[in-house]
C-alpha atoms as a PDB file:
ATOM      1  CA  UNK A   1     -11.736  -0.347   2.546  1.00  0.00           C
ATOM      2  CA  UNK A   2     -13.624   0.018   0.035  1.00  0.00           C
ATOM      3  CA  UNK A   3     -16.268  -2.472  -0.391  1.00  0.00           C
ATOM      4  CA  UNK A   4     -17.660  -3.491  -3.599  1.00  0.00           C
ATOM      5  CA  UNK A   5     -20.655  -2.440  -4.884  1.00  0.00           C
ATOM      6  CA  UNK A   6     -24.261  -3.608  -3.689  1.00  0.00           C
ATOM      7  CA  UNK A   7     -25.992  -5.683  -6.356  1.00  0.00           C
ATOM      8  CA  UNK A   8     -28.271  -2.707  -7.010  1.00  0.00           C
ATOM      9  CA  UNK A   9     -25.825  -0.465  -7.699  1.00  0.00           C
ATOM     10  CA  UNK A  10     -25.672  -0.122 -11.583  1.00  0.00           C
ATOM     11  CA  UNK A  11     -21.736  -0.643 -13.700  1.00  0.00           C
ATOM     12  CA  UNK A  12     -19.645   2.093 -14.101  1.00  0.00           C
ATOM     13  CA  UNK A  13     -20.177   3.039 -17.753  1.00  0.00           C
ATOM     14  CA  UNK A  14     -17.691   3.327 -19.701  1.00  0.00           C
ATOM     15  CA  UNK A  15     -15.562   2.766 -22.818  1.00  0.00           C
ATOM     16  CA  UNK A  16     -13.554  -0.421 -23.772  1.00  0.00           C
ATOM     17  CA  UNK A  17     -10.254  -0.130 -22.062  1.00  0.00           C
ATOM     18  CA  UNK A  18      -7.147  -0.770 -24.045  1.00  0.00           C
ATOM     19  CA  UNK A  19      -4.788   0.862 -21.844  1.00  0.00           C
ATOM     20  CA  UNK A  20      -5.140  -1.108 -18.206  1.00  0.00           C
ATOM     21  CA  UNK A  21      -3.048  -4.224 -17.610  1.00  0.00           C
ATOM     22  CA  UNK A  22      -5.644  -6.362 -14.650  1.00  0.00           C
ATOM     23  CA  UNK A  23      -3.784  -9.510 -13.546  1.00  0.00           C
ATOM     24  CA  UNK A  24      -6.187 -11.973 -12.084  1.00  0.00           C
ATOM     25  CA  UNK A  25      -5.300 -14.685  -9.620  1.00  0.00           C
ATOM     26  CA  UNK A  26      -7.558 -17.512  -8.567  1.00  0.00           C
ATOM     27  CA  UNK A  27      -6.473 -21.316  -8.210  1.00  0.00           C
ATOM     28  CA  UNK A  28      -9.767 -22.584  -9.890  1.00  0.00           C
ATOM     29  CA  UNK A  29      -9.038 -22.862 -13.717  1.00  0.00           C
ATOM     30  CA  UNK A  30     -12.639 -22.929 -14.159  1.00  0.00           C
ATOM     31  CA  UNK A  31     -13.808 -19.323 -12.847  1.00  0.00           C
ATOM     32  CA  UNK A  32     -10.192 -18.183 -14.900  1.00  0.00           C
ATOM     33  CA  UNK A  33     -11.620 -19.278 -17.970  1.00  0.00           C
ATOM     34  CA  UNK A  34     -14.827 -17.077 -16.838  1.00  0.00           C
ATOM     35  CA  UNK A  35     -12.603 -14.376 -15.571  1.00  0.00           C
ATOM     36  CA  UNK A  36     -10.767 -13.810 -19.309  1.00  0.00           C
ATOM     37  CA  UNK A  37     -14.027 -14.878 -21.198  1.00  0.00           C
ATOM     38  CA  UNK A  38     -16.260 -11.814 -19.690  1.00  0.00           C
ATOM     39  CA  UNK A  39     -13.580  -9.198 -19.137  1.00  0.00           C
ATOM     40  CA  UNK A  40     -12.314  -9.649 -22.424  1.00  0.00           C
ATOM     41  CA  UNK A  41     -15.230  -7.633 -22.992  1.00  0.00           C
ATOM     42  CA  UNK A  42     -14.286  -4.385 -20.891  1.00  0.00           C
ATOM     43  CA  UNK A  43     -10.823  -4.937 -20.999  1.00  0.00           C
ATOM     44  CA  UNK A  44      -8.371  -5.857 -23.698  1.00  0.00           C
ATOM     45  CA  UNK A  45      -5.335  -6.526 -21.529  1.00  0.00           C
ATOM     46  CA  UNK A  46      -6.502  -9.692 -18.955  1.00  0.00           C
ATOM     47  CA  UNK A  47      -3.772 -11.983 -17.593  1.00  0.00           C
ATOM     48  CA  UNK A  48      -5.087 -15.037 -15.784  1.00  0.00           C
ATOM     49  CA  UNK A  49      -2.926 -17.284 -13.472  1.00  0.00           C
ATOM     50  CA  UNK A  50      -3.064 -19.906 -11.136  1.00  0.00           C
ATOM     51  CA  UNK A  51      -0.938 -19.296  -8.106  1.00  0.00           C
ATOM     52  CA  UNK A  52       0.610 -16.123  -6.494  1.00  0.00           C
ATOM     53  CA  UNK A  53       4.318 -17.244  -7.853  1.00  0.00           C
ATOM     54  CA  UNK A  54       3.331 -16.839 -11.289  1.00  0.00           C
ATOM     55  CA  UNK A  55       1.357 -13.394 -10.662  1.00  0.00           C
ATOM     56  CA  UNK A  56       4.555 -12.231  -9.413  1.00  0.00           C
ATOM     57  CA  UNK A  57       6.602 -13.588 -12.395  1.00  0.00           C
ATOM     58  CA  UNK A  58       3.812 -11.801 -14.257  1.00  0.00           C
ATOM     59  CA  UNK A  59       4.511  -8.542 -12.604  1.00  0.00           C
ATOM     60  CA  UNK A  60       8.259  -8.624 -12.973  1.00  0.00           C
ATOM     61  CA  UNK A  61       7.725  -9.345 -17.012  1.00  0.00           C
ATOM     62  CA  UNK A  62       5.280  -6.308 -17.731  1.00  0.00           C
ATOM     63  CA  UNK A  63       3.422  -3.534 -16.049  1.00  0.00           C
ATOM     64  CA  UNK A  64       0.401  -4.610 -13.958  1.00  0.00           C
ATOM     65  CA  UNK A  65      -2.180  -2.274 -13.277  1.00  0.00           C
ATOM     66  CA  UNK A  66      -4.439  -3.901 -11.026  1.00  0.00           C
ATOM     67  CA  UNK A  67      -4.553  -7.411  -9.273  1.00  0.00           C
ATOM     68  CA  UNK A  68      -7.984  -9.369  -8.047  1.00  0.00           C
ATOM     69  CA  UNK A  69      -6.593 -12.347  -6.235  1.00  0.00           C
ATOM     70  CA  UNK A  70      -8.583 -15.023  -4.314  1.00  0.00           C
ATOM     71  CA  UNK A  71      -7.565 -14.771  -0.654  1.00  0.00           C
ATOM     72  CA  UNK A  72      -7.956 -18.360  -0.354  1.00  0.00           C
ATOM     73  CA  UNK A  73      -5.096 -20.241  -2.573  1.00  0.00           C
ATOM     74  CA  UNK A  74      -2.692 -23.209  -1.519  1.00  0.00           C
ATOM     75  CA  UNK A  75       0.911 -22.214  -0.879  1.00  0.00           C
ATOM     76  CA  UNK A  76       1.001 -18.744  -1.041  1.00  0.00           C
ATOM     77  CA  UNK A  77      -2.610 -17.086  -0.190  1.00  0.00           C
ATOM     78  CA  UNK A  78      -3.635 -14.042  -1.675  1.00  0.00           C
ATOM     79  CA  UNK A  79      -2.748 -11.985   1.371  1.00  0.00           C
ATOM     80  CA  UNK A  80       0.702 -12.866   1.371  1.00  0.00           C
ATOM     81  CA  UNK A  81       0.520 -12.447  -2.575  1.00  0.00           C
ATOM     82  CA  UNK A  82      -0.940  -8.447  -1.505  1.00  0.00           C
ATOM     83  CA  UNK A  83       1.942  -8.040   1.076  1.00  0.00           C
ATOM     84  CA  UNK A  84       4.603  -8.867  -1.513  1.00  0.00           C
ATOM     85  CA  UNK A  85       3.085  -6.572  -4.403  1.00  0.00           C
ATOM     86  CA  UNK A  86       2.648  -3.939  -1.624  1.00  0.00           C
ATOM     87  CA  UNK A  87       6.586  -4.394  -0.849  1.00  0.00           C
ATOM     88  CA  UNK A  88       7.272  -4.011  -4.518  1.00  0.00           C
ATOM     89  CA  UNK A  89       5.148  -1.356  -5.644  1.00  0.00           C
ATOM     90  CA  UNK A  90       2.414   0.278  -3.439  1.00  0.00           C
ATOM     91  CA  UNK A  91       0.648   1.826  -5.888  1.00  0.00           C
ATOM     92  CA  UNK A  92      -1.019  -0.994  -7.857  1.00  0.00           C
ATOM     93  CA  UNK A  93      -4.535  -1.310  -6.175  1.00  0.00           C
ATOM     94  CA  UNK A  94      -5.117  -4.782  -4.782  1.00  0.00           C
ATOM     95  CA  UNK A  95      -9.052  -6.084  -4.668  1.00  0.00           C
ATOM     96  CA  UNK A  96      -9.416  -9.563  -3.015  1.00  0.00           C
ATOM     97  CA  UNK A  97     -12.363 -12.101  -3.675  1.00  0.00           C
ATOM     98  CA  UNK A  98     -13.777 -14.822  -1.566  1.00  0.00           C
ATOM     99  CA  UNK A  99     -16.461 -17.427  -1.389  1.00  0.00           C
ATOM    100  CA  UNK A 100     -14.832 -18.890   1.898  1.00  0.00           C
ATOM    101  CA  UNK A 101     -15.551 -18.077   5.513  1.00  0.00           C
ATOM    102  CA  UNK A 102     -12.165 -16.023   6.753  1.00  0.00           C
ATOM    103  CA  UNK A 103     -10.334 -16.133  10.354  1.00  0.00           C
ATOM    104  CA  UNK A 104     -10.825 -12.478  12.394  1.00  0.00           C
ATOM    105  CA  UNK A 105      -6.630 -12.317  11.702  1.00  0.00           C
ATOM    106  CA  UNK A 106      -7.562 -12.869   7.793  1.00  0.00           C
ATOM    107  CA  UNK A 107     -10.819 -10.263   8.028  1.00  0.00           C
ATOM    108  CA  UNK A 108      -8.590  -8.116   9.418  1.00  0.00           C
ATOM    109  CA  UNK A 109      -5.557  -8.385   6.900  1.00  0.00           C
ATOM    110  CA  UNK A 110      -8.677  -8.015   4.034  1.00  0.00           C
ATOM    111  CA  UNK A 111      -9.131  -4.541   5.570  1.00  0.00           C
ATOM    112  CA  UNK A 112      -6.407  -3.376   4.433  1.00  0.00           C
ATOM    113  CA  UNK A 113      -6.712  -4.241   0.580  1.00  0.00           C
ATOM    114  CA  UNK A 114      -8.461  -1.544  -1.716  1.00  0.00           C
ATOM    115  CA  UNK A 115     -11.419  -3.679  -1.770  1.00  0.00           C
ATOM    116  CA  UNK A 116     -13.082  -7.007  -1.126  1.00  0.00           C
ATOM    117  CA  UNK A 117     -15.592  -8.479  -3.137  1.00  0.00           C
ATOM    118  CA  UNK A 118     -17.481 -11.865  -2.012  1.00  0.00           C
ATOM    119  CA  UNK A 119     -18.314 -15.000  -4.040  1.00  0.00           C
ATOM    120  CA  UNK A 120     -20.778 -15.366  -5.820  1.00  0.00           C
ATOM    121  CA  UNK A 121     -21.036 -12.079  -7.930  1.00  0.00           C
ATOM    122  CA  UNK A 122     -21.895 -10.645 -11.124  1.00  0.00           C
ATOM    123  CA  UNK A 123     -20.524  -9.523 -14.401  1.00  0.00           C
ATOM    124  CA  UNK A 124     -21.447  -6.100 -13.863  1.00  0.00           C
ATOM    125  CA  UNK A 125     -20.547  -6.077 -10.011  1.00  0.00           C
ATOM    126  CA  UNK A 126     -16.938  -7.488 -11.128  1.00  0.00           C
ATOM    127  CA  UNK A 127     -16.679  -4.956 -13.934  1.00  0.00           C
ATOM    128  CA  UNK A 128     -17.657  -1.677 -11.680  1.00  0.00           C
ATOM    129  CA  UNK A 129     -15.360  -3.545  -9.188  1.00  0.00           C
ATOM    130  CA  UNK A 130     -12.274  -3.334 -11.214  1.00  0.00           C
ATOM    131  CA  UNK A 131     -13.644   0.201 -13.031  1.00  0.00           C
ATOM    132  CA  UNK A 132     -13.436   1.864  -9.489  1.00  0.00           C
ATOM    133  CA  UNK A 133      -9.727  -0.362  -8.995  1.00  0.00           C
ATOM    134  CA  UNK A 134      -8.831   1.250 -12.095  1.00  0.00           C
ATOM    135  CA  UNK A 135      -9.897   4.665 -11.087  1.00  0.00           C
ATOM    136  CA  UNK A 136      -7.777   4.838  -8.032  1.00  0.00           C
ATOM    137  CA  UNK A 137      -4.710   3.324 -10.003  1.00  0.00           C
ATOM    138  CA  UNK A 138      -5.086   6.169 -12.256  1.00  0.00           C
ATOM    139  CA  UNK A 139      -5.598   8.497  -9.159  1.00  0.00           C
ATOM    140  CA  UNK A 140      -2.323   7.154  -7.897  1.00  0.00           C
ATOM    141  CA  UNK A 141      -0.574   7.579 -11.113  1.00  0.00           C
ATOM    142  CA  UNK A 142      -1.319  11.488 -11.422  1.00  0.00           C
ATOM    143  CA  UNK A 143      -0.466  11.751  -7.768  1.00  0.00           C
ATOM    144  CA  UNK A 144       2.769  10.240  -8.310  1.00  0.00           C
ATOM    145  CA  UNK A 145       3.174  12.584 -11.242  1.00  0.00           C
ATOM    146  CA  UNK A 146       2.092  15.366  -9.259  1.00  0.00           C
ATOM    147  CA  UNK A 147       5.102  14.539  -6.415  1.00  0.00           C
ATOM    148  CA  UNK A 148       7.429  14.931  -9.556  1.00  0.00           C
ATOM    149  CA  UNK A 149       6.449  18.255 -10.417  1.00  0.00           C
ATOM    150  CA  UNK A 150       6.060  21.238  -8.343  1.00  0.00           C
ATOM    151  CA  UNK A 151       3.258  22.814  -9.915  1.00  0.00           C
ATOM    152  CA  UNK A 152       0.931  19.985 -10.435  1.00  0.00           C
ATOM    153  CA  UNK A 153       1.611  19.523  -6.201  1.00  0.00           C
ATOM    154  CA  UNK A 154       0.255  23.327  -5.922  1.00  0.00           C
ATOM    155  CA  UNK A 155      -2.327  22.615  -8.545  1.00  0.00           C
ATOM    156  CA  UNK A 156      -3.341  19.407  -6.419  1.00  0.00           C
ATOM    157  CA  UNK A 157      -3.078  21.386  -3.168  1.00  0.00           C
ATOM    158  CA  UNK A 158      -6.075  23.663  -4.520  1.00  0.00           C
ATOM    159  CA  UNK A 159      -8.066  20.670  -6.276  1.00  0.00           C
ATOM    160  CA  UNK A 160     -11.288  19.551  -5.065  1.00  0.00           C
ATOM    161  CA  UNK A 161      -9.720  16.764  -3.004  1.00  0.00           C
ATOM    162  CA  UNK A 162     -13.214  14.178  -3.759  1.00  0.00           C
ATOM    163  CA  UNK A 163     -11.882  14.157  -7.438  1.00  0.00           C
ATOM    164  CA  UNK A 164      -8.805  13.040  -6.025  1.00  0.00           C
ATOM    165  CA  UNK A 165     -10.363  10.301  -4.067  1.00  0.00           C
ATOM    166  CA  UNK A 166     -12.728   8.562  -5.808  1.00  0.00           C
ATOM    167  CA  UNK A 167     -12.321   4.425  -4.886  1.00  0.00           C
ATOM    168  CA  UNK A 168     -12.583   4.929  -0.959  1.00  0.00           C
ATOM    169  CA  UNK A 169     -14.831   5.111   1.195  1.00  0.00           C
ATOM    170  CA  UNK A 170     -17.005   8.376   2.635  1.00  0.00           C
ATOM    171  CA  UNK A 171     -15.094   8.362   5.830  1.00  0.00           C
ATOM    172  CA  UNK A 172     -11.446   8.202   3.874  1.00  0.00           C
ATOM    173  CA  UNK A 173     -12.870  11.147   1.433  1.00  0.00           C
ATOM    174  CA  UNK A 174     -14.510  13.287   4.954  1.00  0.00           C
ATOM    175  CA  UNK A 175     -10.479  12.827   6.056  1.00  0.00           C
ATOM    176  CA  UNK A 176      -9.226  13.519   2.657  1.00  0.00           C
ATOM    177  CA  UNK A 177     -11.220  17.051   2.862  1.00  0.00           C
ATOM    178  CA  UNK A 178     -10.359  17.475   6.063  1.00  0.00           C
ATOM    179  CA  UNK A 179      -6.730  17.509   5.316  1.00  0.00           C
ATOM    180  CA  UNK A 180      -7.606  19.458   2.357  1.00  0.00           C
ATOM    181  CA  UNK A 181      -8.356  22.133   4.008  1.00  0.00           C
ATOM    182  CA  UNK A 182      -5.638  22.007   6.296  1.00  0.00           C
ATOM    183  CA  UNK A 183      -3.471  22.171   3.415  1.00  0.00           C
ATOM    184  CA  UNK A 184      -5.379  24.944   1.948  1.00  0.00           C
ATOM    185  CA  UNK A 185      -4.828  26.593   5.725  1.00  0.00           C
ATOM    186  CA  UNK A 186      -0.989  26.144   5.287  1.00  0.00           C
ATOM    187  CA  UNK A 187      -0.607  27.393   1.845  1.00  0.00           C
ATOM    188  CA  UNK A 188      -1.867  30.751   2.548  1.00  0.00           C
ATOM    189  CA  UNK A 189       0.054  31.346   5.784  1.00  0.00           C
ATOM    190  CA  UNK A 190       2.759  30.317   3.541  1.00  0.00           C
ATOM    191  CA  UNK A 191       2.413  33.034   0.921  1.00  0.00           C
END
């Protein structure tokens, strides 16, 4: 699981994002107002909802590029929401946030998310966290596009895997580089 950057990390420098649909799910209405006000400085399409059911309904109505959800919520918590979203569309990055202690079981499930950010956090840290999630979504969209086009598959096989994997931790990048080398070896033998 990718970790959020630490507070000493400077925020990602990027232009105002007019394309990405960011869905924020939290049962704290005050925090939702904070998200809406501050994230609209960076993203034009921020949707905030107070529960998992509303999040799932929103996802039926519009394409969502990233979900940021609180772990602890009544009825359907953020972990169950993550499972439901992954069943529907596994290419949507899901970033979890929480300020509450978690059980060992919950902590294990959190590791399967695309990222986790502990409350409290600053707006720059949150922006960087979401930008990295959007980068992941864009990489996934490109990968899906490649899978539909044999030429793009070949181009991806010969590309630098570090360019394809931007949001994951170092061990995942090392694994991708290793897999990339094996794919190149296989491609040479097949040629």
